[in-house]
Amino acid sequence: MNNRFLRAVVEILSKNIVGSALAVLAIVVGIVATDFSATAAALIFGFALVSAAGVAVYAFHVQNECKEIFEILDHFGQWEIQDPRGQSVVLTKRLKVRFLQNHVLAIDDPAWGDGQLFAEYSCQPGVDVDKFTAGHEWRTLISLREFRNKGDIEEFVIRRRIVGGFTKDDEWVAIETGRTRGPIRAEIIFPAERPPVPEALKWERYSDKQVHRLPEGALTYLKDGRPCVTFSLPQPRRGETYTIKWRW
């Protein structure tokens, strides 16, 4: 056990009535039982302490599992490439969100990649109030302007235009599943003048670095003739990054 865990157990027991009661009961019963049998006292004392520790460990686990303020039940991302050079791309995300804490007033939206990532930005509901870097990512802070509480479910539509981000012959988009508890879906719409190479359509999972061909039928054509590549996973791994790659 490290010091952080021990401090957390002490803090949790100090706030947990059941755990604290078991710990106190263990001491009292142990002292009383010593008048009759040292073995019985040791057994009772040990059992009560183990029970108290079990309560503390469970509370510690729950406490650390609930750090996130929301989770994503359904994640859809669409990248619409608006010109053959890849200079202008509109990313639309539709997220079905469930809040995990009470009194939530803001959420954050991650972004990464090349080019000018925030040429335009909008979110409904909500208003973007700040942007900052966090490691290799950018984060947009979205004010909700009113409280959301634990168990509330809401759908968000986030749009941003990226300038100069998809100008190479080999390109990619990615979806992270750190907060995702449901399916992920992606859609990439290409200009009719510059379709992707079907044989080069692939996806990769970050944890194992294995590259997979997109299934047959992933490349279709819209009514206006533009190519459209789709990717979906009904049960993605938590904490993963799924990357879709193409050549065009």
Protein backbone atom coordinates (compact mmCIF):
# COMPACT_ATOMS: atom_id res chain seq x y z
CA MET A 1 0.00 0.00 0.00
CA ASN A 2 1.31 3.43 -0.86
CA ASN A 3 0.90 6.55 1.24
CA ARG A 4 -1.75 7.96 -1.10
CA PHE A 5 -3.95 4.89 -0.62
CA LEU A 6 -3.53 4.93 3.19
CA ARG A 7 -4.36 8.63 3.37
CA ALA A 8 -7.42 8.04 1.19
CA VAL A 9 -8.59 5.13 3.39
CA VAL A 10 -8.25 7.24 6.54
CA GLU A 11 -10.16 10.09 4.88
CA ILE A 12 -12.89 7.79 3.61
CA LEU A 13 -13.30 6.08 6.99
CA SER A 14 -13.53 9.48 8.67
CA LYS A 15 -16.47 10.32 6.37
CA ASN A 16 -18.02 6.85 6.19
CA ILE A 17 -20.38 5.97 9.03
CA VAL A 18 -20.41 2.22 8.36
CA GLY A 19 -16.65 1.89 8.07
CA SER A 20 -16.01 4.04 11.13
CA ALA A 21 -18.60 2.15 13.18
CA LEU A 22 -17.01 -1.17 12.28
CA ALA A 23 -13.58 0.10 13.23
CA VAL A 24 -14.80 1.41 16.62
CA LEU A 25 -16.80 -1.77 17.22
CA ALA A 26 -13.71 -3.85 16.52
CA ILE A 27 -11.75 -2.02 19.19
CA VAL A 28 -14.54 -2.14 21.81
CA VAL A 29 -15.40 -5.80 21.24
CA GLY A 30 -11.73 -6.72 21.17
CA ILE A 31 -11.11 -5.09 24.53
CA VAL A 32 -14.18 -6.71 26.13
CA ALA A 33 -13.36 -10.13 24.67
CA THR A 34 -9.88 -10.14 26.18
CA ASP A 35 -11.50 -10.81 29.57
CA PHE A 36 -12.73 -14.16 28.26
CA SER A 37 -10.37 -15.36 25.54
CA ALA A 38 -7.40 -13.78 23.84
CA THR A 39 -8.00 -15.96 20.76
CA ALA A 40 -11.64 -14.90 20.49
CA ALA A 41 -10.64 -11.27 20.93
CA ALA A 42 -8.09 -11.53 18.15
CA LEU A 43 -10.58 -13.21 15.79
CA ILE A 44 -13.33 -10.67 16.45
CA PHE A 45 -10.94 -7.78 16.22
CA GLY A 46 -9.46 -9.08 12.95
CA PHE A 47 -12.84 -9.77 11.36
CA ALA A 48 -14.17 -6.32 12.18
CA LEU A 49 -11.03 -4.62 10.91
CA VAL A 50 -11.14 -6.61 7.66
CA SER A 51 -14.77 -5.58 7.20
CA ALA A 52 -13.92 -1.94 7.83
CA ALA A 53 -11.02 -2.16 5.37
CA GLY A 54 -13.31 -3.73 2.77
CA VAL A 55 -15.76 -0.87 3.08
CA ALA A 56 -12.90 1.62 2.76
CA VAL A 57 -11.41 -0.08 -0.30
CA TYR A 58 -14.80 -0.17 -2.02
CA ALA A 59 -15.40 3.50 -1.24
CA PHE A 60 -11.90 4.31 -2.50
CA HIS A 61 -12.66 2.49 -5.77
CA VAL A 62 -16.00 4.27 -6.23
CA GLN A 63 -14.45 7.62 -5.39
CA ASN A 64 -11.77 7.21 -8.06
CA GLU A 65 -14.20 5.86 -10.66
CA CYS A 66 -16.40 8.98 -10.40
CA LYS A 67 -13.80 11.62 -11.24
CA GLU A 68 -15.34 12.32 -14.64
CA ILE A 69 -18.27 14.70 -14.67
CA PHE A 70 -19.90 13.11 -17.72
CA GLU A 71 -19.79 10.07 -19.99
CA ILE A 72 -20.63 9.70 -23.69
CA LEU A 73 -23.35 7.18 -24.47
CA ASP A 74 -23.19 7.65 -28.25
CA HIS A 75 -20.43 9.32 -30.28
CA PHE A 76 -20.85 10.32 -33.93
CA GLY A 77 -18.23 12.32 -35.82
CA GLN A 78 -18.47 13.59 -39.39
CA TRP A 79 -15.58 15.16 -41.30
CA GLU A 80 -16.75 16.94 -44.46
CA ILE A 81 -13.81 17.79 -46.73
CA GLN A 82 -15.03 20.78 -48.70
CA ASP A 83 -12.34 21.17 -51.37
CA PRO A 84 -9.95 18.85 -53.29
CA ARG A 85 -6.87 20.28 -51.55
CA GLY A 86 -8.20 19.59 -48.06
CA GLN A 87 -7.90 23.24 -47.06
CA SER A 88 -11.35 23.45 -45.49
CA VAL A 89 -12.89 20.66 -43.43
CA VAL A 90 -15.99 20.88 -41.24
CA LEU A 91 -16.10 18.50 -38.28
CA THR A 92 -19.52 17.84 -36.76
CA LYS A 93 -19.80 15.85 -33.56
CA ARG A 94 -23.08 14.60 -32.13
CA LEU A 95 -22.65 13.39 -28.57
CA LYS A 96 -25.23 11.82 -26.30
CA VAL A 97 -23.98 12.70 -22.82
CA ARG A 98 -24.94 11.47 -19.34
CA PHE A 99 -23.81 13.57 -16.39
CA LEU A 100 -22.16 11.78 -13.47
CA GLN A 101 -22.10 14.58 -10.91
CA ASN A 102 -24.42 17.25 -9.60
CA HIS A 103 -24.23 21.01 -10.24
CA VAL A 104 -22.22 20.76 -13.48
CA LEU A 105 -21.93 24.13 -15.23
CA ALA A 106 -19.34 23.36 -17.95
CA ILE A 107 -17.85 20.56 -20.03
CA ASP A 108 -14.73 20.37 -22.18
CA ASP A 109 -14.26 19.29 -25.80
CA PRO A 110 -10.89 17.91 -26.99
CA ALA A 111 -9.26 18.68 -30.36
CA TRP A 112 -5.99 17.73 -32.05
CA GLY A 113 -4.38 17.63 -35.48
CA ASP A 114 -2.76 19.96 -38.02
CA GLY A 115 -3.77 23.34 -39.36
CA GLN A 116 -5.97 26.00 -37.85
CA LEU A 117 -8.24 23.89 -35.65
CA PHE A 118 -10.75 26.58 -34.67
CA ALA A 119 -11.42 28.69 -37.77
CA GLU A 120 -15.07 28.46 -36.73
CA TYR A 121 -16.60 26.87 -33.63
CA SER A 122 -20.11 26.39 -32.26
CA CYS A 123 -21.84 24.19 -29.72
CA GLN A 124 -25.52 23.56 -29.05
CA PRO A 125 -26.46 23.74 -26.28
CA GLY A 126 -23.72 25.77 -24.63
CA VAL A 127 -21.23 28.54 -25.38
CA ASP A 128 -17.46 28.14 -25.81
CA VAL A 129 -15.74 30.43 -23.30
CA ASP A 130 -12.07 29.38 -23.36
CA LYS A 131 -9.47 27.31 -25.23
CA PHE A 132 -6.25 25.93 -23.77
CA THR A 133 -3.66 23.20 -24.34
CA ALA A 134 -3.56 20.00 -22.26
CA GLY A 135 -0.62 17.86 -23.30
CA HIS A 136 -0.83 17.18 -27.04
CA GLU A 137 -4.47 18.27 -27.21
CA TRP A 138 -6.47 21.45 -27.20
CA ARG A 139 -9.49 21.74 -24.93
CA THR A 140 -12.49 23.99 -25.45
CA LEU A 141 -14.36 24.91 -22.27
CA ILE A 142 -18.10 24.98 -22.95
CA SER A 143 -20.35 26.86 -20.53
CA LEU A 144 -23.76 25.21 -20.10
CA ARG A 145 -25.24 28.36 -18.50
CA GLU A 146 -27.36 26.31 -16.14
CA PHE A 147 -26.81 23.35 -13.83
CA ARG A 148 -26.85 19.76 -14.99
CA ASN A 149 -27.21 17.05 -12.35
CA LYS A 150 -26.24 13.40 -11.97
CA GLY A 151 -28.29 11.20 -14.29
CA ASP A 152 -29.28 13.99 -16.70
CA ILE A 153 -28.94 12.99 -20.36
CA GLU A 154 -28.46 15.55 -23.11
CA GLU A 155 -27.41 15.62 -26.76
CA PHE A 156 -24.75 18.07 -27.93
CA VAL A 157 -23.93 19.14 -31.48
CA ILE A 158 -20.43 20.59 -31.85
CA ARG A 159 -19.18 22.03 -35.15
CA ARG A 160 -15.80 23.46 -36.02
CA ARG A 161 -14.06 24.30 -39.28
CA ILE A 162 -10.42 23.28 -39.76
CA VAL A 163 -8.27 25.22 -42.23
CA GLY A 164 -5.14 23.66 -43.77
CA GLY A 165 -5.37 20.46 -41.75
CA PHE A 166 -5.79 17.80 -44.47
CA THR A 167 -3.33 18.79 -47.20
CA LYS A 168 -1.20 15.62 -47.40
CA ASP A 169 -1.60 12.60 -49.67
CA ASP A 170 -1.96 10.34 -46.63
CA GLU A 171 -4.34 11.63 -43.97
CA TRP A 172 -6.23 10.44 -40.90
CA VAL A 173 -8.91 11.25 -38.34
CA ALA A 174 -9.28 9.80 -34.85
CA ILE A 175 -11.83 9.21 -32.10
CA GLU A 176 -10.81 8.86 -28.44
CA THR A 177 -12.96 6.73 -26.12
CA GLY A 178 -11.77 7.88 -22.71
CA ARG A 179 -15.28 9.00 -21.79
CA THR A 180 -17.23 6.81 -24.20
CA ARG A 181 -19.47 4.06 -22.80
CA GLY A 182 -21.43 3.36 -25.97
CA PRO A 183 -20.94 2.97 -29.73
CA ILE A 184 -18.73 5.18 -31.88
CA ARG A 185 -19.45 6.09 -35.49
CA ALA A 186 -17.42 8.11 -37.98
CA GLU A 187 -18.17 9.47 -41.43
CA ILE A 188 -15.71 11.12 -43.83
CA ILE A 189 -17.16 12.90 -46.86
CA PHE A 190 -14.73 13.56 -49.72
CA PRO A 191 -15.02 15.99 -52.64
CA ALA A 192 -16.16 14.30 -55.84
CA GLU A 193 -12.99 15.48 -57.60
CA ARG A 194 -10.68 13.67 -55.18
CA PRO A 195 -11.97 10.34 -53.86
CA PRO A 196 -9.93 8.12 -51.51
CA VAL A 197 -8.04 5.07 -52.80
CA PRO A 198 -10.26 2.10 -51.81
CA GLU A 199 -7.31 -0.22 -51.14
CA ALA A 200 -5.77 2.32 -48.73
CA LEU A 201 -8.77 2.66 -46.42
CA LYS A 202 -7.65 1.36 -43.02
CA TRP A 203 -8.19 1.77 -39.30
CA GLU A 204 -5.87 1.34 -36.35
CA ARG A 205 -6.31 0.82 -32.61
CA TYR A 206 -3.66 2.67 -30.63
CA SER A 207 -3.09 0.03 -27.93
CA ASP A 208 -1.90 -2.75 -30.24
CA LYS A 209 -0.88 -0.73 -33.33
CA GLN A 210 -2.52 -3.32 -35.57
CA VAL A 211 -3.72 -1.93 -38.90
CA HIS A 212 -7.00 -3.30 -40.30
CA ARG A 213 -8.62 -2.86 -43.70
CA LEU A 214 -11.98 -1.17 -43.58
CA PRO A 215 -14.72 -3.67 -44.43
CA GLU A 216 -16.19 -3.91 -47.91
CA GLY A 217 -19.02 -1.44 -48.18
CA ALA A 218 -17.32 1.20 -46.03
CA LEU A 219 -16.93 3.35 -49.15
CA THR A 220 -20.22 4.51 -50.65
CA TYR A 221 -21.39 7.51 -52.69
CA LEU A 222 -23.88 10.19 -51.73
CA LYS A 223 -26.65 11.30 -54.08
CA ASP A 224 -24.55 14.25 -55.23
CA GLY A 225 -21.69 11.92 -56.20
CA ARG A 226 -19.36 12.61 -53.28
CA PRO A 227 -17.53 9.59 -51.78
CA CYS A 228 -18.35 8.78 -48.16
CA VAL A 229 -16.34 6.48 -45.87
CA THR A 230 -18.04 5.12 -42.75
CA PHE A 231 -16.62 3.40 -39.68
CA SER A 232 -18.44 2.11 -36.59
CA LEU A 233 -17.85 0.02 -33.49
CA PRO A 234 -20.81 -0.95 -31.28
CA GLN A 235 -18.58 -1.77 -28.29
CA PRO A 236 -15.24 0.07 -28.49
CA ARG A 237 -12.63 -0.37 -25.80
CA ARG A 238 -12.57 2.25 -23.09
CA GLY A 239 -9.60 4.59 -23.08
CA GLU A 240 -8.63 3.82 -26.68
CA THR A 241 -7.87 5.91 -29.74
CA TYR A 242 -9.28 4.66 -33.05
CA THR A 243 -7.63 6.14 -36.14
CA ILE A 244 -9.07 5.99 -39.67
CA LYS A 245 -6.47 6.38 -42.42
CA TRP A 246 -6.68 6.96 -46.16
CA ARG A 247 -4.74 7.94 -49.25
CA TRP A 248 -6.26 10.22 -51.88
